[in-house]
Structure formats: structure tokens, C-alpha cells
Amino acid sequence: MGSYAPPVDQLLKLGRPIGLNTKVDYVALGIGPEHVPDLIRLLKDETLFEKEPEAYAQIHAWRALGQLRAREAIGPLLDVMAENAEAEDFSDWILEELPVVLGSFGPETIPIVVVRIDRQNARRTQEHAAVLKEVGRQHPEARAEAVSHLCRLLETAGTNDPTLNAFLISNLIDLKAAEALPAIERAYATNNVDLSLHGGLEEAKFYMGLGPKPQHAQPPLTSPRPSGQNAKQRFNERQRQKKLAKKQKKRKGK
């Protein structure tokens, strides 16, 4: 296990975090800008993942970096997201929290994210789009720029992965981006949008406040179901099960 000096070593003992909206005051623990290099090192310390409470230190590290608005951590945090997107057993903590944390850094995050976008890698692009949405949601002055980039990604809806298209539309719905409706309409016209996530064009218009409620409207991605999971979480769980099934099949073939 990696060695960490005080006060960063306290993160190894904090254990399972409470919800993102109930934050630890890491600055009050004595953690400041001078500790950013150790926090970034902790982010990628896989030796901590094997036992509790150390396994949760990575989460506390990225939350601390978010509180410090440590710009130099944007790239490493995006690296963690990219690695998680490719992992067979990906982390829901990363899926749910890192876009929010990265969004908190503000408009300067956008160009760093945009240069990393690779439309050929749908899963990573999906995560990058979530960061763009969060920047726009948390920083109204950056909303127009975030919407513009999300619409640009939809310009290739005909050749994009259908699930990516659905998530891009979901992000625009979350931002109530009425100005994006033409781009959304063109995307649906390609018949290349995964309808299992939040339905078709009429549902999208309804959730954006631009049309009546369809007769059989699906709940939006951010609406919880009785199971306690929202649509994004259910989709991620389906993806996890598919990857596990594929992994098990490979093992049987050996």
C-alpha cells in the first residue's frame, strides 16, 4: 500500500462516504493546495482497492480535489473516468460522481474535455458528455458553450452509437436546452437513437417543456423508479451484467 503523509493519510481511514450532497470538509482536515500531488497519486493507487476502509480513499481524494478546485487534477480525473469506461467491472461511484466533481471546476474544464472526445469510443464519449452537461448545469455562464458541444456531437447521430445518441439527448433534456430541439429532431430522424432510455422525440419534447405529455411517456433518465434506481443506473447495471456474462463465457472457453 502506498505511503501518505499527514494530513492526506486521514483519507485512508474515513471509510465509506456519505452521499455527494453531504460532504466532508477536507480543508478543515488540513488538506490544501500543497497536497494536490499526493491526492492525484492516491487517485490511481490500486493497492488501496483491496480492503476497507482504504478502498474508499480514492473517492475522498477526488472530492477533496473538487473542493480545492485543483485545475491540475482535471486531466488525471478524466483519466480515471476513461479507465473506468473500459473496465469490465466498472465503478458506479466514478460514473455518478466524477462528472459532478469535474463540472464543479467550471468553464475551463470544457476545452480539456473536448480535445479528448473520440466519437469512435462511444462509452468514453458518453462520460465526456456527462461532464459537459455538469459544467453547464453548475455554471450558467458556460451553459451555452456546453449545449453547443453536445449538439455538435449529435451532428453525426447517423453513425454514432445509438446509446450515445440517447445519452446526448438526455444531457440536453437535463439542461432544458430548448435551443437544441432542431439537433434532437435530426438525431431522431436518423432512427439511430436507443429508445429504451427515455423514449422517442415526443417524450424528449415533453421533458424539455416543449410539448404535451405523450400517452405512454417513459420516465426521464433522472427520475427514480420504485426500485430506487434511475434509468441511467439501470442501464449501467445492464451493461455490467453483459460484461460479466462475456467474461464468464471467456473463462468457460479456456
Foldseek 3Di string as FASTA:
>chain_A
DDDDDPPLVVLQAPADDDDPVDDDPVVVSVDAPVCLVVLLVLLPPCVQCPDPPSNCSNVVSLSVCLVRLPVVCLVSLLVLQVVQLPDLQHDPSSQPPSLLSLLSNADVSVVVLVVPDDQVSLSSNLSSLSNLLNVCVVPVVCVVVSLVVLLVSLVVLLPGQQDSLQSSLLSCLVNLPPVSLVSLVVNVVSVRHPQPQWHGSQLSCVSSVNHDDDPDGDDRQPDADPVRHGSVRVVVVVSSVVSVVVVVVVVVVD
